[in-house]
Amino acid sequence: MLRTGGLREPRVDAVEASAYVVPTDQPEADGTFAWTSTTLVLVQVRSGEVTGTGWTYGSPACTTVVEHDLAPVVVGHDALAVPAAWERMRHALRNIGRPGVAGMALSAVDIALWDLAGRLLGMPLHRLLGPAQVEVPVYGSGGFTTYDADRLAAQLGGWVHEQGIPRVKIKIGEAGGSRTERDLDRVAQARAVIGPEAELYVDANGAYTVGQAVRVAERFAPYDVRWFEEPVSSDDPEGLAHVRSHCRADVAAGEYGFDLASFERLCDAGAVDCLQVDVTRCGGITELRRVAAVAAAHGLQVSGHCAPYAHLAVLTTVPNLRHLEWFHDHVRIETMLFEGCPEPLGGALRPPAEPAGHGLTWLPRAAAPYRVR
C-alpha cells in the first residue's frame, strides 16, 4: 500500500545530511594511503512520516553539497520519480564538477531516494528494482600493509575458516611500491593461512609502475593469485591493459569512477577483466545499473567496491555481477551504526525479505559520539 498520507503523489519534504568520523580499530594503510579514521556521510530524505536513508564515505564537505546544491532540486518533487530527481541533481552539479565530493553527495541522495521509494511502496528495495539473483557473493577485504603476521592470519583465517567466505584480498604495494619483497612475503603468508582452495586476491592501489607490476605478477605464480586490483593507477588505462596482457590474474579497476565516461574508458582500453563500481561514488543506484550495462556491452562482469550494505539490494539486480567487497572498515561501521545488517552465509549475502526499502535502520544514539557535522 502506498504510504502517502492521503496524497496521490508523495512529495519529498526534506533532505538532511550529517557526517560521522569513526576511528579505525587500529592504524591502516595500503600502497598509497594511510588512515586512522573513516568518515561516513549520511543523507536522510523525508516524505510525510516516511524517511529514506543513504550514505557515502567521503569528506564532511559532502553535507554542504547535499544541503546547498542538491536538496533544492529534490524537495517538493515526486518522491517516486527517482531517475527524474537524479537528472536534476546531475544538472545542478554542472558548474561544480561531478567527480569527487559532489559525486559522493549525489550518490548518497540517490541511495536515500530509492530507499524512500521502497518504504513508501511497502516493498523491499531489491524487489522494487527487480532481482536477477537471490544472493550476492562476497570476498573478505582488509589485509592492510600495517598488519603484522598475527593480525593478518587472524583476519584471513576468520573469513575463510570461520565465516566460510571462500575468497579474500590483501593490500600490497607497500610504501608506494618500494617494499616488493615484503609484499610477496605477505602473499605467501596469506596463501598458507587460507589453504589451497580459497581464492587469493591482491590490491596495489595503483602503487606500482607498469613494468614493476608485470614483474611482481610473475612472482605470484606459486601462490595462485586470482585477482590483481589496480596494479597501476586507474588514470592509466593503457598501463592497466599492458599489465593485463602480461598477467595470469584477472586485472580489476574502477572504484574511482564517477561517471559513465570513466567506466567506458577503462572498458574500451581493454584495461580490466572485471569492472569495479562503487555505488557511493558513481552516482548511486541509478547510475550503477547503467555502469553494469556498459560493462555488459564489453562482455565484462562487475564487482561492488566496499560499502557492502549500500550495494546489497542493487547488486541483486545486476545479471553480470561477480561479487561484492566485504571491506573490514565499512562492515565494522555499518554494523555499528545500522540495525538489520544480514551476515554472509556460505560466502554470500542475501537482502532482507522485509522490512521495506534497503531494510536497515539508522541508529542515531550509536552514531552520536562520532558526529562532526
Protein backbone atom coordinates (compact mmCIF):
# COMPACT_ATOMS: atom_id res chain seq x y z
CA MET A 1 0.00 0.00 0.00
CA LEU A 2 1.30 3.45 -0.88
CA ARG A 3 2.13 5.37 2.30
CA THR A 4 1.33 8.89 1.14
CA GLY A 5 -0.73 10.33 3.96
CA GLY A 6 -3.69 10.60 1.60
CA LEU A 7 -1.78 12.27 -1.25
CA ARG A 8 -1.86 10.57 -4.66
CA GLU A 9 1.74 11.59 -5.45
CA PRO A 10 4.07 11.65 -2.43
CA ARG A 11 6.46 14.59 -2.41
CA VAL A 12 9.91 14.98 -0.91
CA ASP A 13 9.51 17.25 2.11
CA ALA A 14 13.08 17.47 3.38
CA VAL A 15 16.67 16.42 2.65
CA GLU A 16 19.17 16.44 5.51
CA ALA A 17 22.84 15.47 5.72
CA SER A 18 25.23 14.76 8.59
CA ALA A 19 28.80 13.44 8.92
CA TYR A 20 30.44 10.98 11.32
CA VAL A 21 34.15 10.26 11.82
CA VAL A 22 34.73 6.76 13.18
CA PRO A 23 38.23 5.76 14.37
CA THR A 24 39.62 2.54 12.92
CA ASP A 25 40.24 -0.37 15.28
CA GLN A 26 43.96 0.04 14.55
CA PRO A 27 46.05 2.08 12.09
CA GLU A 28 45.51 1.02 8.47
CA ALA A 29 47.33 1.58 5.19
CA ASP A 30 47.52 0.36 1.61
CA GLY A 31 50.08 1.04 -1.10
CA THR A 32 49.38 4.75 -1.49
CA PHE A 33 47.45 5.95 1.59
CA ALA A 34 47.26 5.58 5.38
CA TRP A 35 44.41 6.39 7.76
CA THR A 36 43.22 6.13 11.36
CA SER A 37 39.56 7.03 10.85
CA THR A 38 36.80 6.76 8.26
CA THR A 39 34.10 9.36 7.57
CA LEU A 40 30.52 8.33 6.79
CA VAL A 41 28.20 10.98 5.36
CA LEU A 42 24.52 10.21 5.98
CA VAL A 43 21.61 11.55 3.94
CA GLN A 44 18.01 11.30 5.10
CA VAL A 45 15.15 12.14 2.74
CA ARG A 46 11.65 12.56 4.18
CA SER A 47 8.18 12.34 2.67
CA GLY A 48 5.48 12.80 5.29
CA GLU A 49 6.29 10.39 8.09
CA VAL A 50 8.47 8.13 5.92
CA THR A 51 12.25 8.54 5.78
CA GLY A 52 14.76 7.09 3.33
CA THR A 53 18.43 6.75 4.20
CA GLY A 54 21.56 6.79 2.05
CA TRP A 55 25.25 7.26 2.71
CA THR A 56 28.71 7.63 1.26
CA TYR A 57 32.27 7.56 2.56
CA GLY A 58 33.92 10.91 1.90
CA SER A 59 34.67 14.37 3.24
CA PRO A 60 32.22 16.08 5.61
CA ALA A 61 32.10 18.70 2.83
CA CYS A 62 29.60 16.37 1.11
CA THR A 63 26.99 17.66 3.55
CA THR A 64 27.30 21.18 2.15
CA VAL A 65 26.78 19.97 -1.42
CA VAL A 66 23.74 17.94 -0.34
CA GLU A 67 22.06 20.78 1.51
CA HIS A 68 23.09 23.73 -0.67
CA ASP A 69 23.08 22.27 -4.19
CA LEU A 70 21.04 19.05 -4.27
CA ALA A 71 18.23 19.48 -1.75
CA PRO A 72 16.69 22.48 -3.59
CA VAL A 73 16.17 20.42 -6.77
CA VAL A 74 14.71 17.44 -4.87
CA VAL A 75 12.42 18.95 -2.24
CA GLY A 76 8.85 19.41 -3.46
CA HIS A 77 9.16 16.90 -6.29
CA ASP A 78 7.64 13.43 -6.77
CA ALA A 79 9.29 11.11 -4.24
CA LEU A 80 8.84 8.09 -6.51
CA ALA A 81 10.40 9.64 -9.61
CA VAL A 82 13.99 8.88 -8.63
CA PRO A 83 15.53 8.94 -12.14
CA ALA A 84 13.99 12.38 -12.72
CA ALA A 85 15.47 13.61 -9.44
CA TRP A 86 18.84 12.17 -10.47
CA GLU A 87 18.80 14.17 -13.71
CA ARG A 88 18.00 17.39 -11.87
CA MET A 89 20.83 16.74 -9.42
CA ARG A 90 23.28 15.99 -12.21
CA HIS A 91 22.37 19.26 -13.87
CA ALA A 92 22.74 21.14 -10.58
CA LEU A 93 26.35 19.92 -10.32
CA ARG A 94 27.38 21.11 -13.79
CA ASN A 95 29.41 24.11 -12.65
CA ILE A 96 30.70 22.43 -9.50
CA GLY A 97 32.16 19.35 -11.19
CA ARG A 98 30.77 15.91 -10.56
CA PRO A 99 33.89 13.83 -9.74
CA GLY A 100 34.86 13.77 -6.06
CA VAL A 101 32.84 15.33 -3.26
CA ALA A 102 29.90 16.30 -5.48
CA GLY A 103 29.63 12.81 -6.95
CA MET A 104 29.64 11.26 -3.49
CA ALA A 105 26.90 13.65 -2.36
CA LEU A 106 24.82 12.80 -5.44
CA SER A 107 25.29 9.09 -4.75
CA ALA A 108 24.14 9.35 -1.13
CA VAL A 109 20.99 11.29 -2.05
CA ASP A 110 20.16 8.83 -4.82
CA ILE A 111 20.50 5.86 -2.45
CA ALA A 112 18.27 7.63 0.08
CA LEU A 113 15.64 8.38 -2.57
CA TRP A 114 15.49 4.74 -3.67
CA ASP A 115 15.19 3.63 -0.04
CA LEU A 116 12.38 6.16 0.44
CA ALA A 117 10.57 4.88 -2.66
CA GLY A 118 10.71 1.32 -1.39
CA ARG A 119 9.40 2.34 2.01
CA LEU A 120 6.58 4.43 0.52
CA LEU A 121 5.52 1.47 -1.62
CA GLY A 122 5.99 -1.05 1.20
CA MET A 123 8.46 -3.08 -0.89
CA PRO A 124 11.97 -4.35 -0.21
CA LEU A 125 14.32 -2.40 -2.45
CA HIS A 126 15.67 -5.42 -4.30
CA ARG A 127 12.10 -6.41 -5.22
CA LEU A 128 11.27 -2.88 -6.35
CA LEU A 129 14.35 -2.79 -8.60
CA GLY A 130 13.80 -6.34 -9.89
CA PRO A 131 16.26 -9.05 -8.80
CA ALA A 132 18.38 -11.10 -11.18
CA GLN A 133 19.66 -13.39 -8.40
CA VAL A 134 18.77 -14.12 -4.81
CA GLU A 135 22.19 -13.54 -3.25
CA VAL A 136 25.43 -11.60 -3.71
CA PRO A 137 28.80 -13.40 -3.34
CA VAL A 138 31.29 -11.55 -1.14
CA TYR A 139 35.04 -11.56 -0.66
CA GLY A 140 36.80 -10.65 2.57
CA SER A 141 38.87 -7.49 2.16
CA GLY A 142 41.42 -6.00 4.51
CA GLY A 143 44.93 -7.35 4.98
CA PHE A 144 46.31 -3.84 5.40
CA THR A 145 50.03 -3.24 5.00
CA THR A 146 50.16 -2.12 8.66
CA TYR A 147 49.14 -5.59 9.87
CA ASP A 148 51.72 -7.86 11.40
CA ALA A 149 51.73 -11.58 10.65
CA ASP A 150 49.48 -12.48 13.58
CA ARG A 151 46.81 -9.90 12.73
CA LEU A 152 46.84 -10.88 9.05
CA ALA A 153 46.47 -14.57 9.89
CA ALA A 154 43.61 -13.91 12.32
CA GLN A 155 41.66 -11.82 9.83
CA LEU A 156 42.09 -14.05 6.79
CA GLY A 157 41.61 -17.25 8.78
CA GLY A 158 38.45 -15.86 10.35
CA TRP A 159 36.89 -15.14 6.98
CA VAL A 160 37.79 -18.43 5.35
CA HIS A 161 37.72 -20.96 8.17
CA GLU A 162 35.10 -19.45 10.49
CA GLN A 163 32.72 -17.47 8.26
CA GLY A 164 33.06 -19.68 5.19
CA ILE A 165 33.98 -16.83 2.82
CA PRO A 166 35.93 -18.61 0.06
CA ARG A 167 37.78 -15.58 -1.35
CA VAL A 168 39.92 -12.92 0.38
CA LYS A 169 42.04 -9.89 -0.54
CA ILE A 170 45.12 -8.26 0.97
CA LYS A 171 46.84 -4.94 0.30
CA ILE A 172 50.25 -4.88 -1.41
CA GLY A 173 52.38 -2.14 -2.98
CA GLU A 174 53.53 -1.05 0.48
CA ALA A 175 55.17 2.37 0.75
CA GLY A 176 54.40 3.35 -2.82
CA GLY A 177 55.65 0.07 -4.24
CA SER A 178 59.07 0.29 -2.58
CA ARG A 179 58.81 -2.91 -0.47
CA THR A 180 58.05 -5.60 -3.02
CA GLU A 181 59.82 -8.35 -1.07
CA ARG A 182 57.57 -7.77 1.93
CA ASP A 183 54.59 -7.65 -0.43
CA LEU A 184 55.48 -11.10 -1.74
CA ASP A 185 56.17 -12.46 1.74
CA ARG A 186 52.69 -11.38 2.77
CA VAL A 187 51.17 -13.00 -0.33
CA ALA A 188 52.93 -16.24 0.60
CA GLN A 189 51.66 -16.00 4.19
CA ALA A 190 48.12 -15.32 3.02
CA ARG A 191 48.12 -18.43 0.84
CA ALA A 192 49.47 -20.53 3.72
CA VAL A 193 46.73 -19.25 6.06
CA ILE A 194 43.74 -19.71 3.75
CA GLY A 195 44.82 -23.03 2.25
CA PRO A 196 44.81 -24.17 -1.38
CA GLU A 197 41.08 -23.95 -2.11
CA ALA A 198 40.18 -20.35 -1.25
CA GLU A 199 40.73 -17.65 -3.86
CA LEU A 200 43.50 -15.14 -3.11
CA TYR A 201 43.25 -11.52 -4.32
CA VAL A 202 45.72 -8.62 -4.05
CA ASP A 203 45.26 -4.86 -4.34
CA ALA A 204 48.16 -2.49 -5.04
CA ASN A 205 46.03 0.69 -5.06
CA GLY A 206 47.99 1.98 -8.04
CA ALA A 207 51.35 1.82 -6.25
CA TYR A 208 53.45 0.12 -8.94
CA THR A 209 54.84 1.27 -12.26
CA VAL A 210 53.78 -0.75 -15.30
CA GLY A 211 57.00 -2.72 -15.58
CA GLN A 212 57.18 -3.28 -11.84
CA ALA A 213 53.61 -4.60 -11.76
CA VAL A 214 54.39 -7.11 -14.51
CA ARG A 215 57.49 -8.33 -12.66
CA VAL A 216 55.61 -8.66 -9.37
CA ALA A 217 52.76 -10.53 -11.08
CA GLU A 218 55.24 -13.06 -12.50
CA ARG A 219 56.18 -13.95 -8.93
CA PHE A 220 52.55 -14.62 -7.93
CA ALA A 221 52.57 -17.98 -9.75
CA PRO A 222 53.36 -20.22 -6.72
CA TYR A 223 50.50 -18.63 -4.78
CA ASP A 224 47.71 -18.82 -7.39
CA VAL A 225 46.71 -15.16 -7.13
CA ARG A 226 43.41 -14.80 -8.99
CA TRP A 227 42.78 -11.02 -8.83
CA PHE A 228 45.24 -8.12 -9.22
CA GLU A 229 43.47 -4.88 -8.39
CA GLU A 230 44.84 -1.54 -9.55
CA PRO A 231 48.37 -2.79 -10.25
CA VAL A 232 48.91 0.72 -11.64
CA SER A 233 46.79 3.84 -11.36
CA SER A 234 43.29 3.79 -12.81
CA ASP A 235 44.25 7.06 -14.50
CA ASP A 236 46.42 4.95 -16.84
CA PRO A 237 44.05 2.64 -18.76
CA GLU A 238 46.77 1.77 -21.29
CA GLY A 239 49.12 0.80 -18.48
CA LEU A 240 46.44 -1.39 -16.93
CA ALA A 241 45.88 -3.02 -20.31
CA HIS A 242 49.61 -3.75 -20.64
CA VAL A 243 49.73 -5.39 -17.22
CA ARG A 244 46.59 -7.35 -18.06
CA SER A 245 48.17 -8.71 -21.24
CA HIS A 246 51.18 -9.97 -19.24
CA CYS A 247 49.39 -11.27 -16.14
CA ARG A 248 47.60 -14.54 -15.35
CA ALA A 249 45.47 -12.99 -12.62
CA ASP A 250 42.36 -11.01 -13.53
CA VAL A 251 43.09 -7.28 -13.51
CA ALA A 252 40.42 -5.10 -11.88
CA ALA A 253 39.85 -1.34 -11.53
CA GLY A 254 37.01 1.18 -11.49
CA GLU A 255 36.48 2.09 -7.84
CA TYR A 256 37.28 5.75 -8.61
CA GLY A 257 34.79 6.02 -11.45
CA PHE A 258 32.42 8.96 -11.01
CA ASP A 259 30.57 8.92 -14.34
CA LEU A 260 29.76 6.62 -17.24
CA ALA A 261 32.54 8.02 -19.41
CA SER A 262 35.24 6.99 -16.94
CA PHE A 263 33.95 3.41 -16.92
CA GLU A 264 33.68 3.34 -20.70
CA ARG A 265 37.33 4.44 -20.98
CA LEU A 266 38.50 1.51 -18.86
CA CYS A 267 36.38 -0.94 -20.83
CA ASP A 268 37.28 0.45 -24.24
CA ALA A 269 41.01 0.33 -23.43
CA GLY A 270 40.80 -3.37 -22.55
CA ALA A 271 42.13 -2.39 -19.12
CA VAL A 272 40.19 -4.81 -16.93
CA ASP A 273 38.88 -8.35 -16.71
CA CYS A 274 36.28 -7.22 -14.15
CA LEU A 275 34.97 -3.67 -13.77
CA GLN A 276 34.69 -2.37 -10.22
CA VAL A 277 31.97 0.12 -9.32
CA ASP A 278 31.21 1.95 -6.06
CA VAL A 279 27.55 2.87 -5.52
CA THR A 280 28.58 5.58 -3.03
CA ARG A 281 30.75 7.32 -5.67
CA CYS A 282 29.48 6.54 -9.16
CA GLY A 283 26.12 8.31 -8.85
CA GLY A 284 24.20 5.92 -6.64
CA ILE A 285 21.83 3.11 -7.55
CA THR A 286 20.55 4.91 -10.64
CA GLU A 287 23.99 5.17 -12.23
CA LEU A 288 25.36 1.82 -11.02
CA ARG A 289 22.81 -0.01 -13.13
CA ARG A 290 23.96 1.95 -16.19
CA VAL A 291 27.59 1.16 -15.38
CA ALA A 292 26.72 -2.53 -15.26
CA ALA A 293 25.15 -2.19 -18.71
CA VAL A 294 28.34 -0.56 -20.04
CA ALA A 295 30.35 -3.49 -18.67
CA ALA A 296 27.93 -6.00 -20.17
CA ALA A 297 28.29 -4.34 -23.58
CA HIS A 298 32.01 -5.13 -23.34
CA GLY A 299 31.44 -8.71 -22.14
CA LEU A 300 32.58 -7.92 -18.61
CA GLN A 301 31.33 -8.65 -15.11
CA VAL A 302 31.17 -6.03 -12.36
CA SER A 303 32.23 -6.12 -8.72
CA GLY A 304 30.89 -3.85 -5.99
CA HIS A 305 33.54 -1.81 -4.17
CA CYS A 306 33.20 -1.51 -0.37
CA ALA A 307 30.05 -0.20 1.44
CA PRO A 308 28.50 -3.68 1.40
CA TYR A 309 25.06 -2.80 2.73
CA ALA A 310 24.67 0.18 0.41
CA HIS A 311 25.35 -2.17 -2.51
CA LEU A 312 23.40 -5.24 -1.48
CA ALA A 313 19.93 -4.51 -2.91
CA VAL A 314 21.07 -3.09 -6.24
CA LEU A 315 23.67 -5.79 -6.91
CA THR A 316 20.99 -8.46 -6.75
CA THR A 317 19.55 -6.80 -9.87
CA VAL A 318 22.79 -6.97 -11.90
CA PRO A 319 22.92 -10.04 -14.20
CA ASN A 320 26.67 -9.65 -14.90
CA LEU A 321 27.66 -9.50 -11.23
CA ARG A 322 30.80 -11.24 -9.99
CA HIS A 323 30.90 -10.29 -6.30
CA LEU A 324 30.92 -7.60 -3.60
CA GLU A 325 33.79 -6.42 -1.40
CA TRP A 326 33.27 -7.29 2.28
CA PHE A 327 35.59 -4.46 3.37
CA HIS A 328 36.70 -4.60 7.01
CA ASP A 329 36.30 -0.86 7.77
CA HIS A 330 32.87 -0.48 6.23
CA VAL A 331 31.48 -3.74 7.61
CA ARG A 332 32.53 -2.59 11.07
CA ILE A 333 30.99 0.89 10.69
CA GLU A 334 27.75 -0.20 9.06
CA THR A 335 27.07 -2.92 11.62
CA MET A 336 27.81 -0.40 14.41
CA LEU A 337 25.54 2.35 13.10
CA PHE A 338 22.70 0.45 11.40
CA GLU A 339 20.29 -2.19 12.65
CA GLY A 340 19.23 -5.02 10.34
CA CYS A 341 22.54 -5.87 8.66
CA PRO A 342 22.47 -9.52 7.49
CA GLU A 343 25.52 -11.74 7.93
CA PRO A 344 27.09 -13.54 4.96
CA LEU A 345 26.24 -17.24 4.79
CA GLY A 346 28.30 -19.60 2.68
CA GLY A 347 30.23 -16.66 1.25
CA ALA A 348 27.17 -14.68 0.14
CA LEU A 349 24.76 -12.01 1.39
CA ARG A 350 21.00 -12.13 0.95
CA PRO A 351 18.95 -8.92 1.15
CA PRO A 352 16.33 -8.84 3.90
CA ALA A 353 12.90 -10.06 2.81
CA GLU A 354 11.44 -7.31 4.97
CA PRO A 355 11.06 -4.51 6.02
CA ALA A 356 10.68 -2.19 3.06
CA GLY A 357 13.47 -0.25 1.40
CA HIS A 358 17.03 -1.48 1.95
CA GLY A 359 15.89 -2.88 5.29
CA LEU A 360 18.39 -1.04 7.50
CA THR A 361 17.56 1.29 10.39
CA TRP A 362 19.91 4.14 11.29
CA LEU A 363 20.89 4.19 14.98
CA PRO A 364 21.29 7.87 15.96
CA ARG A 365 22.30 7.15 19.55
CA ALA A 366 25.08 4.83 18.46
CA ALA A 367 26.24 7.39 15.91
CA ALA A 368 26.07 10.48 18.14
CA PRO A 369 29.59 10.20 19.64
CA TYR A 370 31.12 10.29 16.14
CA ARG A 371 29.13 13.18 14.69
CA VAL A 372 31.21 16.08 13.36
CA ARG A 373 28.62 17.91 11.23
